[in-house]
Amino acid sequence: MDITVQRNAFGRQVDSFEIDLPAPFLENGEVPYHTVFIRAPIITSVNGDAEAILKLPDERIVAAKQGHFLATSFHPELTSDDRFHRYFVELTKS
């Protein structure tokens, strides 16, 4: 993907956090998506055909897509909400 990241941008594991973020591109998009960040990288830039699709309230990018590729700073597998996984599956079909 045509993105740049900074590893461990949020600090050590003790600095892990969770936050609900608006994700209108997801099914039932009016319901915020719960994100879990553990020693997470941050996407510092998106270039070319890549696009930022999810940001923190301070505008830092935490999810990007390019074609059928998807990158996240958070762990969607750690929640019971499968909307992000379903979104990824739909990307792979195009």
N, C-alpha and C. Protein backbone atom coordinates (compact mmCIF):
# COMPACT_ATOMS: atom_id res chain seq x y z
N MET A 1 0.84 -1.18 0.00
CA MET A 1 0.00 0.00 0.00
C MET A 1 0.88 1.23 0.00
N ASP A 2 0.38 2.25 -0.61
CA ASP A 2 1.12 3.50 -0.70
C ASP A 2 0.82 4.38 0.52
N ILE A 3 1.30 3.91 1.68
CA ILE A 3 1.13 4.63 2.94
C ILE A 3 2.45 4.64 3.69
N THR A 4 2.55 5.55 4.66
CA THR A 4 3.69 5.61 5.55
C THR A 4 3.16 5.44 6.97
N VAL A 5 3.88 4.66 7.78
CA VAL A 5 3.45 4.43 9.16
C VAL A 5 4.58 4.73 10.12
N GLN A 6 4.19 5.00 11.37
CA GLN A 6 5.15 5.14 12.46
C GLN A 6 4.82 4.06 13.47
N ARG A 7 5.77 3.17 13.71
CA ARG A 7 5.56 2.06 14.64
C ARG A 7 5.39 2.56 16.07
N ASN A 8 4.59 1.82 16.83
CA ASN A 8 4.38 2.10 18.26
C ASN A 8 4.12 3.57 18.55
N ALA A 9 3.33 4.19 17.70
CA ALA A 9 3.10 5.64 17.78
C ALA A 9 2.37 6.07 19.05
N PHE A 10 1.66 5.15 19.68
CA PHE A 10 0.90 5.51 20.87
C PHE A 10 1.64 5.15 22.15
N GLY A 11 2.85 4.63 22.04
CA GLY A 11 3.62 4.31 23.23
C GLY A 11 3.66 2.83 23.54
N ARG A 12 3.92 2.54 24.78
CA ARG A 12 4.08 1.16 25.24
C ARG A 12 2.73 0.48 25.43
N GLN A 13 2.77 -0.81 25.72
CA GLN A 13 1.54 -1.57 25.88
C GLN A 13 0.66 -0.99 26.99
N VAL A 14 1.26 -0.43 28.03
CA VAL A 14 0.47 0.18 29.11
C VAL A 14 -0.31 1.40 28.62
N ASP A 15 0.05 1.93 27.45
CA ASP A 15 -0.63 3.08 26.87
C ASP A 15 -1.77 2.67 25.94
N SER A 16 -2.07 1.37 25.89
CA SER A 16 -3.15 0.88 25.03
C SER A 16 -4.47 1.55 25.44
N PHE A 17 -5.38 1.66 24.47
CA PHE A 17 -6.66 2.31 24.76
C PHE A 17 -7.73 1.83 23.78
N GLU A 18 -8.97 2.17 24.11
CA GLU A 18 -10.11 1.85 23.27
C GLU A 18 -10.92 3.12 23.07
N ILE A 19 -11.54 3.23 21.88
CA ILE A 19 -12.36 4.41 21.58
C ILE A 19 -13.39 4.05 20.51
N ASP A 20 -14.58 4.61 20.62
CA ASP A 20 -15.60 4.46 19.59
C ASP A 20 -15.40 5.54 18.55
N LEU A 21 -15.37 5.15 17.28
CA LEU A 21 -15.14 6.11 16.19
C LEU A 21 -16.28 6.04 15.17
N PRO A 22 -16.67 7.17 14.62
CA PRO A 22 -17.67 7.14 13.56
C PRO A 22 -17.08 6.48 12.31
N ALA A 23 -17.84 5.57 11.73
CA ALA A 23 -17.38 4.84 10.54
C ALA A 23 -18.56 4.72 9.57
N PRO A 24 -18.94 5.81 8.93
CA PRO A 24 -20.12 5.79 8.06
C PRO A 24 -20.02 4.85 6.87
N PHE A 25 -18.81 4.42 6.51
CA PHE A 25 -18.62 3.52 5.37
C PHE A 25 -18.98 2.08 5.72
N LEU A 26 -19.13 1.78 7.00
CA LEU A 26 -19.49 0.43 7.42
C LEU A 26 -21.00 0.24 7.38
N GLU A 27 -21.42 -1.02 7.27
CA GLU A 27 -22.83 -1.35 7.40
C GLU A 27 -23.34 -0.80 8.73
N ASN A 28 -24.55 -0.24 8.73
CA ASN A 28 -25.11 0.34 9.94
C ASN A 28 -24.17 1.44 10.46
N GLY A 29 -23.70 2.27 9.53
CA GLY A 29 -22.67 3.26 9.79
C GLY A 29 -23.00 4.34 10.79
N GLU A 30 -24.27 4.48 11.15
CA GLU A 30 -24.60 5.47 12.17
C GLU A 30 -24.19 5.01 13.57
N VAL A 31 -23.89 3.72 13.70
CA VAL A 31 -23.41 3.17 14.97
C VAL A 31 -21.88 3.26 14.97
N PRO A 32 -21.29 3.94 15.96
CA PRO A 32 -19.82 4.03 16.01
C PRO A 32 -19.17 2.66 16.06
N TYR A 33 -17.93 2.59 15.60
CA TYR A 33 -17.17 1.35 15.62
C TYR A 33 -16.19 1.41 16.79
N HIS A 34 -16.22 0.37 17.64
CA HIS A 34 -15.34 0.31 18.80
C HIS A 34 -13.96 -0.18 18.36
N THR A 35 -12.94 0.62 18.62
CA THR A 35 -11.57 0.28 18.20
C THR A 35 -10.70 0.02 19.42
N VAL A 36 -9.78 -0.93 19.28
CA VAL A 36 -8.87 -1.33 20.35
C VAL A 36 -7.44 -1.13 19.84
N PHE A 37 -6.70 -0.27 20.51
CA PHE A 37 -5.32 0.04 20.11
C PHE A 37 -4.35 -0.53 21.13
N ILE A 38 -3.46 -1.41 20.66
CA ILE A 38 -2.45 -2.03 21.52
C ILE A 38 -1.10 -1.87 20.82
N ARG A 39 -0.21 -1.09 21.42
CA ARG A 39 1.11 -0.82 20.81
C ARG A 39 0.96 -0.52 19.32
N ALA A 40 0.06 0.35 19.03
CA ALA A 40 -0.38 0.56 17.66
C ALA A 40 0.52 1.50 16.86
N PRO A 41 0.63 1.20 15.57
CA PRO A 41 1.27 2.15 14.65
C PRO A 41 0.24 3.22 14.28
N ILE A 42 0.69 4.28 13.71
CA ILE A 42 -0.20 5.30 13.17
C ILE A 42 0.15 5.47 11.69
N ILE A 43 -0.85 5.71 10.89
CA ILE A 43 -0.63 5.95 9.46
C ILE A 43 -0.35 7.45 9.33
N THR A 44 0.87 7.78 8.96
CA THR A 44 1.27 9.19 8.91
C THR A 44 0.95 9.86 7.58
N SER A 45 0.83 9.04 6.52
CA SER A 45 0.44 9.63 5.23
C SER A 45 -0.13 8.56 4.32
N VAL A 46 -1.04 8.99 3.47
CA VAL A 46 -1.57 8.14 2.40
C VAL A 46 -1.26 8.84 1.09
N ASN A 47 -0.88 8.05 0.10
CA ASN A 47 -0.43 8.62 -1.16
C ASN A 47 -1.07 7.87 -2.32
N GLY A 48 -0.95 8.42 -3.51
CA GLY A 48 -1.45 7.75 -4.70
C GLY A 48 -2.92 7.42 -4.58
N ASP A 49 -3.26 6.16 -4.84
CA ASP A 49 -4.65 5.71 -4.79
C ASP A 49 -5.11 5.34 -3.38
N ALA A 50 -4.22 5.35 -2.42
CA ALA A 50 -4.61 5.01 -1.05
C ALA A 50 -5.47 6.14 -0.48
N GLU A 51 -6.39 5.76 0.39
CA GLU A 51 -7.21 6.78 1.03
C GLU A 51 -7.42 6.47 2.50
N ALA A 52 -7.43 7.53 3.30
CA ALA A 52 -7.72 7.41 4.72
C ALA A 52 -9.21 7.17 4.87
N ILE A 53 -9.59 6.14 5.64
CA ILE A 53 -11.02 5.86 5.81
C ILE A 53 -11.48 5.99 7.25
N LEU A 54 -10.55 6.04 8.20
CA LEU A 54 -10.95 6.20 9.60
C LEU A 54 -9.88 7.00 10.32
N LYS A 55 -10.34 7.99 11.09
CA LYS A 55 -9.42 8.87 11.81
C LYS A 55 -9.85 9.02 13.26
N LEU A 56 -8.88 9.30 14.11
CA LEU A 56 -9.15 9.65 15.49
C LEU A 56 -9.72 11.07 15.52
N PRO A 57 -10.31 11.48 16.63
CA PRO A 57 -10.83 12.85 16.72
C PRO A 57 -9.78 13.93 16.44
N ASP A 58 -8.50 13.64 16.69
CA ASP A 58 -7.44 14.62 16.42
C ASP A 58 -6.92 14.54 14.98
N GLU A 59 -7.65 13.78 14.12
CA GLU A 59 -7.36 13.66 12.68
C GLU A 59 -6.23 12.71 12.33
N ARG A 60 -5.64 12.01 13.30
CA ARG A 60 -4.63 11.01 12.96
C ARG A 60 -5.31 9.83 12.28
N ILE A 61 -4.70 9.32 11.23
CA ILE A 61 -5.29 8.25 10.42
C ILE A 61 -5.04 6.90 11.08
N VAL A 62 -6.13 6.12 11.25
CA VAL A 62 -6.00 4.80 11.87
C VAL A 62 -6.50 3.67 10.97
N ALA A 63 -7.00 3.99 9.78
CA ALA A 63 -7.35 2.96 8.80
C ALA A 63 -7.26 3.57 7.41
N ALA A 64 -6.76 2.76 6.47
CA ALA A 64 -6.63 3.20 5.09
C ALA A 64 -6.93 2.02 4.17
N LYS A 65 -7.33 2.35 2.96
CA LYS A 65 -7.54 1.30 1.96
C LYS A 65 -6.94 1.74 0.64
N GLN A 66 -6.59 0.76 -0.16
CA GLN A 66 -6.10 0.99 -1.52
C GLN A 66 -6.50 -0.24 -2.31
N GLY A 67 -7.46 -0.05 -3.22
CA GLY A 67 -7.98 -1.19 -3.96
C GLY A 67 -8.61 -2.18 -3.01
N HIS A 68 -8.15 -3.43 -3.05
CA HIS A 68 -8.69 -4.43 -2.13
C HIS A 68 -7.80 -4.66 -0.90
N PHE A 69 -6.87 -3.74 -0.68
CA PHE A 69 -6.01 -3.80 0.51
C PHE A 69 -6.57 -2.90 1.60
N LEU A 70 -6.38 -3.32 2.85
CA LEU A 70 -6.87 -2.59 3.99
C LEU A 70 -5.81 -2.61 5.08
N ALA A 71 -5.57 -1.47 5.71
CA ALA A 71 -4.61 -1.38 6.81
C ALA A 71 -5.28 -0.70 7.99
N THR A 72 -5.06 -1.25 9.19
CA THR A 72 -5.63 -0.63 10.39
C THR A 72 -4.56 -0.50 11.47
N SER A 73 -4.72 0.52 12.30
CA SER A 73 -3.85 0.69 13.46
C SER A 73 -4.42 -0.03 14.67
N PHE A 74 -5.66 -0.42 14.60
CA PHE A 74 -6.35 -1.05 15.72
C PHE A 74 -6.57 -2.53 15.42
N HIS A 75 -7.14 -3.23 16.38
CA HIS A 75 -7.35 -4.68 16.27
C HIS A 75 -8.84 -4.98 16.16
N PRO A 76 -9.40 -5.05 14.95
CA PRO A 76 -10.83 -5.35 14.84
C PRO A 76 -11.19 -6.76 15.30
N GLU A 77 -10.23 -7.64 15.39
CA GLU A 77 -10.50 -9.01 15.83
C GLU A 77 -10.75 -9.10 17.34
N LEU A 78 -10.50 -8.02 18.07
CA LEU A 78 -10.67 -8.05 19.52
C LEU A 78 -12.03 -7.56 19.99
N THR A 79 -12.94 -7.33 19.06
CA THR A 79 -14.30 -6.95 19.44
C THR A 79 -15.27 -7.96 18.84
N SER A 80 -16.49 -7.93 19.31
CA SER A 80 -17.52 -8.82 18.77
C SER A 80 -18.20 -8.21 17.55
N ASP A 81 -17.87 -6.97 17.21
CA ASP A 81 -18.45 -6.29 16.05
C ASP A 81 -17.70 -6.74 14.80
N ASP A 82 -18.39 -7.45 13.92
CA ASP A 82 -17.72 -7.98 12.72
C ASP A 82 -17.88 -7.10 11.49
N ARG A 83 -18.36 -5.88 11.64
CA ARG A 83 -18.59 -5.02 10.48
C ARG A 83 -17.30 -4.70 9.71
N PHE A 84 -16.20 -4.52 10.41
CA PHE A 84 -14.95 -4.21 9.71
C PHE A 84 -14.47 -5.42 8.92
N HIS A 85 -14.64 -6.60 9.47
CA HIS A 85 -14.28 -7.82 8.74
C HIS A 85 -15.16 -7.99 7.51
N ARG A 86 -16.45 -7.72 7.64
CA ARG A 86 -17.35 -7.84 6.49
C ARG A 86 -16.99 -6.80 5.43
N TYR A 87 -16.60 -5.60 5.86
CA TYR A 87 -16.16 -4.57 4.93
C TYR A 87 -14.95 -5.06 4.13
N PHE A 88 -13.99 -5.67 4.82
CA PHE A 88 -12.80 -6.21 4.15
C PHE A 88 -13.18 -7.28 3.13
N VAL A 89 -14.06 -8.19 3.51
CA VAL A 89 -14.50 -9.24 2.59
C VAL A 89 -15.10 -8.62 1.34
N GLU A 90 -15.91 -7.59 1.49
CA GLU A 90 -16.52 -6.93 0.32
C GLU A 90 -15.44 -6.28 -0.55
N LEU A 91 -14.40 -5.70 0.06
CA LEU A 91 -13.30 -5.11 -0.72
C LEU A 91 -12.62 -6.16 -1.60
N THR A 92 -12.48 -7.36 -1.08
CA THR A 92 -11.78 -8.40 -1.84
C THR A 92 -12.59 -8.89 -3.03
N LYS A 93 -13.88 -8.62 -3.05
CA LYS A 93 -14.73 -9.05 -4.14
C LYS A 93 -14.68 -8.12 -5.34
N SER A 94 -14.14 -6.93 -5.16
CA SER A 94 -14.13 -5.97 -6.27
C SER A 94 -12.85 -6.03 -7.07
